[in-house]
Protein backbone atom coordinates (compact mmCIF):
# COMPACT_ATOMS: atom_id res chain seq x y z
CA MET A 1 28.74 152.70 -55.19
CA LYS A 2 28.74 156.32 -54.02
CA ASN A 3 26.77 155.48 -50.84
CA LEU A 4 29.03 152.53 -50.11
CA THR A 5 32.08 154.77 -50.28
CA SER A 6 30.61 157.42 -47.98
CA GLY A 7 29.29 154.68 -45.68
CA THR A 8 32.73 153.11 -45.51
CA ILE A 9 34.33 156.44 -44.71
CA PHE A 10 31.68 157.05 -42.02
CA LEU A 11 32.40 153.66 -40.42
CA ILE A 12 36.13 154.34 -40.44
CA ILE A 13 35.58 157.69 -38.76
CA ILE A 14 33.30 156.12 -36.12
CA PHE A 15 35.88 153.38 -35.49
CA VAL A 16 38.70 155.91 -35.08
CA ILE A 17 36.65 158.07 -32.71
CA ALA A 18 35.67 155.02 -30.63
CA TRP A 19 39.30 153.90 -30.50
CA VAL A 20 40.49 157.36 -29.40
CA PHE A 21 37.97 157.67 -26.58
CA LEU A 22 37.56 154.04 -25.49
CA LEU A 23 40.46 151.83 -26.53
CA ARG A 24 43.52 154.08 -26.92
CA PRO A 25 46.30 152.76 -24.64
CA THR A 26 47.60 154.82 -21.73
CA THR A 27 51.00 155.02 -23.44
CA LEU A 28 49.28 157.17 -26.09
CA GLY A 29 47.36 159.22 -23.52
CA GLY A 30 44.25 157.04 -23.54
CA PRO A 31 42.23 155.45 -20.74
CA THR A 32 42.99 151.78 -21.45
CA THR A 33 45.72 149.35 -20.47
CA TYR A 34 46.18 146.01 -22.24
CA ILE A 35 47.57 143.08 -20.26
CA ILE A 36 48.42 139.60 -21.50
CA VAL A 37 47.64 137.14 -18.72
CA SER A 38 50.59 134.99 -17.77
CA GLY A 39 50.32 132.11 -15.33
CA GLU A 40 47.56 130.05 -13.80
CA SER A 41 46.64 132.08 -10.70
CA MET A 42 43.36 133.39 -12.20
CA VAL A 43 42.08 130.04 -13.55
CA PRO A 44 39.15 129.40 -14.14
CA THR A 45 38.23 133.09 -14.61
CA MET A 46 41.09 133.83 -17.00
CA GLN A 47 43.64 131.57 -18.65
CA ASP A 48 47.29 131.95 -19.60
CA GLY A 49 47.41 133.93 -22.86
CA ASP A 50 44.13 135.84 -22.45
CA LEU A 51 44.13 139.55 -23.28
CA ALA A 52 42.70 141.65 -20.44
CA VAL A 53 41.63 145.23 -21.05
CA THR A 54 41.61 147.44 -17.96
CA ARG A 55 40.53 150.99 -17.20
CA ALA A 56 41.41 153.16 -14.23
CA LYS A 57 38.46 153.92 -11.93
CA SER A 58 37.94 156.47 -9.19
CA GLU A 59 37.22 153.75 -6.64
CA TYR A 60 37.70 150.01 -6.31
CA ARG A 61 35.67 147.49 -4.32
CA VAL A 62 35.85 143.96 -3.03
CA GLY A 63 35.17 141.59 -5.93
CA ASP A 64 36.83 143.75 -8.60
CA ILE A 65 39.51 142.10 -10.73
CA VAL A 66 42.32 144.64 -10.87
CA ALA A 67 45.77 144.95 -12.39
CA PHE A 68 48.38 146.43 -10.05
CA HIS A 69 52.11 146.99 -9.72
CA ALA A 70 53.83 144.46 -7.46
CA GLU A 71 57.30 142.93 -7.31
CA GLY A 72 58.56 144.77 -10.39
CA GLY A 73 55.71 143.75 -12.67
CA VAL A 74 51.97 143.94 -13.18
CA VAL A 75 49.74 141.38 -11.45
CA MET A 76 46.05 140.80 -12.15
CA HIS A 77 44.09 139.42 -9.19
CA ARG A 78 40.75 139.90 -7.46
CA ILE A 79 40.28 142.24 -4.49
CA ILE A 80 39.00 140.12 -1.60
CA GLY A 81 39.25 142.62 1.26
CA GLY A 82 40.44 145.95 2.54
CA THR A 83 39.57 149.54 1.68
CA GLU A 84 41.18 152.44 -0.12
CA GLU A 85 42.30 153.84 3.21
CA THR A 86 43.89 150.65 4.59
CA GLY A 87 44.94 149.09 1.29
CA PHE A 88 43.48 146.13 -0.58
CA ILE A 89 44.01 142.42 -0.02
CA THR A 90 44.11 140.44 -3.26
CA ARG A 91 44.13 136.81 -4.34
CA GLY A 92 44.19 134.97 -7.63
CA ASP A 93 40.93 133.07 -8.27
CA GLY A 94 42.91 129.86 -8.67
CA ASN A 95 44.88 130.34 -5.42
CA THR A 96 43.90 129.24 -1.91
CA TRP A 97 46.13 131.88 -0.26
CA ASN A 98 46.08 135.66 -0.15
CA ASP A 99 48.79 137.66 -1.88
CA PRO A 100 51.64 138.67 0.47
CA TRP A 101 51.26 142.40 -0.24
CA ILE A 102 48.76 145.11 0.63
CA ILE A 103 47.85 147.14 -2.48
CA ALA A 104 47.49 150.92 -2.29
CA SER A 105 45.06 152.64 -4.67
CA GLN A 106 47.89 154.41 -6.48
CA ASP A 107 49.46 151.02 -7.33
CA ILE A 108 46.35 149.88 -9.20
CA VAL A 109 46.62 150.16 -12.98
CA GLY A 110 42.89 149.59 -13.52
CA ARG A 111 39.88 147.34 -13.14
CA ARG A 112 39.26 144.66 -15.75
CA TRP A 113 36.81 146.09 -18.27
CA PHE A 114 36.66 143.00 -20.49
CA TYR A 115 38.93 140.24 -21.71
CA ILE A 116 39.43 138.25 -24.88
CA PRO A 117 40.13 134.55 -24.33
CA GLY A 118 43.35 133.65 -26.15
CA GLY A 119 43.67 137.25 -27.41
CA GLY A 120 47.11 137.71 -25.86
CA LYS A 121 48.54 134.65 -27.61
CA PHE A 122 47.00 135.78 -30.90
CA LEU A 123 48.46 139.29 -30.50
CA LEU A 124 51.91 137.91 -29.63
CA ASN A 125 51.84 135.66 -32.70
CA ILE A 126 51.06 138.64 -34.92
CA LEU A 127 53.79 140.77 -33.34
CA ASN A 128 56.32 137.95 -33.62
CA SER A 129 55.36 137.41 -37.27
CA LEU A 130 55.94 141.07 -38.05
CA ARG A 131 59.55 140.67 -36.93
CA GLN A 132 60.20 138.41 -39.90
CA PRO A 133 61.11 140.36 -43.07
CA LEU A 134 58.64 138.56 -45.35
CA TYR A 135 55.64 139.22 -43.10
CA LEU A 136 56.77 142.78 -42.42
CA GLY A 137 56.95 143.39 -46.17
CA VAL A 138 53.47 141.93 -46.72
CA PHE A 139 52.12 144.08 -43.87
CA ALA A 140 53.74 147.21 -45.34
CA ALA A 141 52.34 146.38 -48.78
CA CYS A 142 48.84 145.98 -47.34
CA LEU A 143 49.09 149.31 -45.52
CA THR A 144 50.32 150.97 -48.71
CA ALA A 145 47.43 149.48 -50.71
CA ILE A 146 44.91 150.70 -48.12
CA PHE A 147 46.50 154.15 -48.15
CA ILE A 148 46.36 154.32 -51.95
CA ALA A 149 42.76 153.07 -52.03
CA CYS A 150 41.66 155.59 -49.40
CA GLY A 151 43.57 158.35 -51.15
CA GLY A 152 41.76 157.48 -54.34
CA MET A 153 38.39 157.66 -52.58
CA PHE A 154 39.18 161.07 -51.12
CA SER A 155 40.50 162.51 -54.40
CA LYS A 156 37.41 161.20 -56.24
CA ALA A 157 35.17 162.86 -53.64
CA ARG A 158 37.15 166.08 -54.05
CA ARG A 159 36.74 165.93 -57.84
CA ASN A 160 32.99 165.30 -57.45
CA ARG A 161 32.66 168.33 -55.15
CA ARG A 162 34.59 170.48 -57.63
CA THR A 163 32.35 169.31 -60.50
CA LEU A 164 29.22 169.97 -58.45
CA ARG A 165 30.43 173.49 -57.58
CA GLU A 166 31.12 174.17 -61.23
CA GLN A 167 27.66 172.93 -62.25
CA ARG A 168 26.01 175.16 -59.64
CA ARG A 169 28.05 178.16 -60.77
CA LYS A 170 27.07 177.62 -64.41
CA TYR A 171 23.43 177.19 -63.45
CA PHE A 172 23.34 180.42 -61.42
CA HIS A 173 25.18 182.31 -64.17
CA SER A 174 22.63 181.09 -66.72
CA LEU A 175 19.78 182.21 -64.44
CA ILE A 176 21.31 185.66 -64.09
CA ARG A 177 22.00 185.95 -67.80
CA ASN A 178 18.50 184.77 -68.78
CA HIS A 179 16.81 186.95 -66.21
CA TRP A 180 18.64 190.15 -67.06
CA LEU A 181 18.76 189.78 -70.81
């Protein structure tokens, strides 16, 4: 049981570190932007409701699927031509025409790192559910239970360390007493 607890804590720490360095959104100072695909312009590569995860890169090339600012929103299409100096020409994989705009490098949010089919719809369903009082209460109760369980693990570990320190102290005191007397 003791190894399972320390193993669980280790996995939680690894997960948090991975999230901080790899998956933390740009709004929290991280390197990643999450985009829910809307529309059919990227079919068959991506579908409406997919969750795309993008990361900013130092350079972009023809063939990259990128998210960029255009017409007051964020669009995700493939670069089919152009350079960083002249601007990029983009097109949705499901379109037969090029986009009407030339994209500058500073307008690019990031290149698609990976995507989760249907992940955007799933995420929206969860977020919409949390707006209902019953589901929000259940979610809060689960978080509270996790917090209490983790707090119990940490306090038990603290007690075990204190007990171990006390045992060592008694042992060393007995050695000193027996040696000198």
